Amino acid sequence: MTLDDELDLIVGRRDRNDMQPTIDALLPLHAAHPEDARVLYEVGGAYDTAGQEDLARGFYEKALAAGLEGDLLRRCYLQYGSTLRNLGEYGTSLEVFGTARATFPGSPALGVFEAITLHAAGRPDAAVAALLELVVAHLDTPDVERYTQAIRGNAAHLRRLGEAAGHRP
């Protein structure tokens, strides 16, 4: 069984309401593969799901430094940015989401979680504007298409309100 197979098995069996068995299963893999980017990411994710963001943060940072790629990188950015938000580090969280969205511009989930951080940081106008822009960019329905200009106009207006209140774009 490969390391990825072991990780898939452990993660597939996790119980989000009781993450300790998952953490206990991942720690020996971490001991055996302390520099493996995916192992670091999965351990961080397990601690994060268990509500131990302070521990998750370090694992996410090491996973990013170890060279995550593809969808795992996208997921790590999202979870790391959310962890930073939960720790009250809004500016750093927004920096992570900025990097993530530049790397994965087609990911609406990154935009949603960035908007949650904007709201938590006391920037509700920017948060709603970001969500409106996501609706226009990713919700392809005749209903939305008909009002695209109006939705974009409202998003721009909300951004200006936030800027007038002293918030940067």
Protein backbone atom coordinates (compact mmCIF):
# COMPACT_ATOMS: atom_id res chain seq x y z
CA MET A 1 0.00 0.00 0.00
CA THR A 2 1.39 3.40 -0.96
CA LEU A 3 1.50 6.37 1.37
CA ASP A 4 -1.28 8.04 -0.62
CA ASP A 5 -3.39 4.87 -0.28
CA GLU A 6 -2.86 4.89 3.49
CA LEU A 7 -3.80 8.55 3.71
CA ASP A 8 -6.89 8.00 1.56
CA LEU A 9 -7.97 5.15 3.83
CA ILE A 10 -7.46 7.15 7.03
CA VAL A 11 -9.18 10.27 5.72
CA GLY A 12 -12.01 8.21 4.24
CA ARG A 13 -12.75 6.69 7.65
CA ARG A 14 -12.68 9.93 9.61
CA ASP A 15 -15.58 10.94 11.81
CA ARG A 16 -15.76 14.73 11.78
CA ASN A 17 -17.46 14.62 15.19
CA ASP A 18 -14.58 12.64 16.72
CA MET A 19 -11.29 13.42 15.01
CA GLN A 20 -9.00 11.90 17.64
CA PRO A 21 -8.89 8.44 15.99
CA THR A 22 -7.95 10.13 12.71
CA ILE A 23 -5.26 12.19 14.41
CA ASP A 24 -3.97 9.06 16.15
CA ALA A 25 -3.79 7.23 12.81
CA LEU A 26 -2.02 10.13 11.07
CA LEU A 27 0.66 10.84 13.67
CA PRO A 28 2.68 7.64 13.00
CA LEU A 29 2.66 8.51 9.30
CA HIS A 30 3.89 11.98 10.18
CA ALA A 31 6.66 10.47 12.31
CA ALA A 32 7.69 8.26 9.39
CA HIS A 33 7.31 11.00 6.74
CA PRO A 34 7.85 14.33 8.56
CA GLU A 35 8.55 16.31 5.39
CA ASP A 36 5.82 14.88 3.15
CA ALA A 37 3.57 17.71 2.00
CA ARG A 38 0.37 15.66 1.89
CA VAL A 39 1.00 14.09 5.30
CA LEU A 40 1.54 17.56 6.77
CA TYR A 41 -1.63 18.82 5.09
CA GLU A 42 -3.76 15.90 6.30
CA VAL A 43 -2.48 16.20 9.88
CA GLY A 44 -3.22 19.92 9.78
CA GLY A 45 -6.69 19.24 8.42
CA ALA A 46 -7.40 16.71 11.15
CA TYR A 47 -6.38 19.14 13.88
CA ASP A 48 -8.37 21.89 12.17
CA THR A 49 -11.53 19.77 12.01
CA ALA A 50 -11.01 18.89 15.68
CA GLY A 51 -11.07 22.61 16.52
CA GLN A 52 -7.37 22.78 17.28
CA GLU A 53 -6.54 25.61 14.88
CA ASP A 54 -3.40 26.56 16.80
CA LEU A 55 -1.89 23.16 15.97
CA ALA A 56 -3.35 23.04 12.46
CA ARG A 57 -1.68 26.33 11.51
CA GLY A 58 1.86 25.00 11.82
CA PHE A 59 1.09 21.89 9.81
CA TYR A 60 -0.53 23.94 7.04
CA GLU A 61 2.48 26.26 6.91
CA LYS A 62 4.87 23.31 6.68
CA ALA A 63 2.70 21.65 4.01
CA LEU A 64 2.78 24.80 1.90
CA ALA A 65 6.55 25.08 2.31
CA ALA A 66 6.96 21.39 1.40
CA GLY A 67 5.47 21.97 -2.04
CA LEU A 68 1.82 20.98 -2.20
CA GLU A 69 0.43 21.05 -5.72
CA GLY A 70 -2.89 20.98 -7.54
CA ASP A 71 -6.13 20.49 -5.66
CA LEU A 72 -4.33 19.75 -2.39
CA LEU A 73 -2.66 23.15 -2.62
CA ARG A 74 -6.02 24.83 -3.25
CA ARG A 75 -7.61 23.02 -0.32
CA CYS A 76 -4.69 23.84 1.95
CA TYR A 77 -4.90 27.54 1.08
CA LEU A 78 -8.62 27.51 1.86
CA GLN A 79 -8.25 25.70 5.16
CA TYR A 80 -5.17 27.69 6.22
CA GLY A 81 -6.87 30.99 5.39
CA SER A 82 -9.91 29.90 7.40
CA THR A 83 -7.74 28.81 10.31
CA LEU A 84 -6.04 32.21 10.37
CA ARG A 85 -9.47 33.86 10.37
CA ASN A 86 -10.56 31.68 13.29
CA LEU A 87 -7.40 32.73 15.11
CA GLY A 88 -8.29 36.40 14.53
CA GLU A 89 -5.46 37.01 12.04
CA TYR A 90 -7.65 38.64 9.40
CA GLY A 91 -4.92 40.47 7.50
CA THR A 92 -2.81 37.36 7.09
CA SER A 93 -5.90 35.36 6.17
CA LEU A 94 -6.75 37.85 3.42
CA GLU A 95 -3.16 37.66 2.13
CA VAL A 96 -3.45 33.87 1.93
CA PHE A 97 -6.76 34.13 0.10
CA GLY A 98 -5.27 36.72 -2.27
CA THR A 99 -2.46 34.34 -3.18
CA ALA A 100 -4.86 31.42 -3.43
CA ARG A 101 -7.31 33.25 -5.70
CA ALA A 102 -4.47 34.39 -7.97
CA THR A 103 -3.27 30.78 -8.19
CA PHE A 104 -6.76 29.27 -8.57
CA PRO A 105 -8.93 32.00 -10.13
CA GLY A 106 -11.68 29.52 -11.04
CA SER A 107 -12.36 28.43 -7.45
CA PRO A 108 -15.58 29.93 -6.09
CA ALA A 109 -15.00 28.25 -2.71
CA LEU A 110 -11.88 30.35 -2.17
CA GLY A 111 -13.92 33.46 -2.90
CA VAL A 112 -16.65 32.44 -0.47
CA PHE A 113 -14.19 31.87 2.35
CA GLU A 114 -12.36 35.10 1.54
CA ALA A 115 -15.73 36.87 1.88
CA ILE A 116 -16.25 35.23 5.28
CA THR A 117 -12.88 36.64 6.36
CA LEU A 118 -13.81 40.08 5.04
CA HIS A 119 -16.99 39.97 7.11
CA ALA A 120 -15.14 38.75 10.22
CA ALA A 121 -12.63 41.58 9.74
CA GLY A 122 -15.45 44.13 9.98
CA ARG A 123 -15.73 44.72 6.25
CA PRO A 124 -19.30 43.62 5.51
CA ASP A 125 -19.65 45.82 2.41
CA ALA A 126 -16.59 44.21 0.80
CA ALA A 127 -17.82 40.76 1.86
CA VAL A 128 -21.22 41.18 0.22
CA ALA A 129 -19.62 42.76 -2.86
CA ALA A 130 -17.30 39.76 -3.20
CA LEU A 131 -20.23 37.36 -2.92
CA LEU A 132 -22.20 39.28 -5.54
CA GLU A 133 -19.23 39.08 -7.90
CA LEU A 134 -19.05 35.33 -7.31
CA VAL A 135 -22.73 34.99 -8.16
CA VAL A 136 -22.22 36.79 -11.47
CA ALA A 137 -19.06 34.82 -12.28
CA HIS A 138 -20.23 31.34 -11.31
CA LEU A 139 -24.03 31.12 -11.24
CA ASP A 140 -25.07 30.63 -14.84
CA THR A 141 -28.83 31.04 -14.95
CA PRO A 142 -31.08 33.20 -17.14
CA ASP A 143 -32.26 34.91 -13.98
CA VAL A 144 -28.75 36.02 -12.99
CA GLU A 145 -27.72 36.80 -16.58
CA ARG A 146 -30.62 39.22 -16.93
CA TYR A 147 -29.42 41.20 -13.90
CA THR A 148 -25.65 40.87 -14.32
CA GLN A 149 -25.10 44.59 -14.84
CA ALA A 150 -27.25 45.48 -11.84
CA ILE A 151 -25.50 42.92 -9.64
CA ARG A 152 -22.07 44.19 -10.72
CA GLY A 153 -23.19 47.77 -10.16
CA ASN A 154 -24.35 46.95 -6.65
CA ALA A 155 -21.08 45.14 -5.95
CA ALA A 156 -19.11 48.21 -7.08
CA HIS A 157 -21.31 50.47 -4.95
CA LEU A 158 -20.75 48.31 -1.88
CA ARG A 159 -17.00 48.32 -2.47
CA ARG A 160 -17.04 52.13 -2.66
CA LEU A 161 -19.01 52.28 0.60
CA GLY A 162 -16.36 50.14 2.25
CA GLU A 163 -13.58 52.31 0.87
CA ALA A 164 -15.37 55.46 2.06
CA ALA A 165 -15.51 53.90 5.52
CA GLY A 166 -11.73 53.62 5.42
CA HIS A 167 -11.39 50.00 4.34
CA ARG A 168 -8.97 49.16 1.58
CA PRO A 169 -10.36 47.35 -1.47
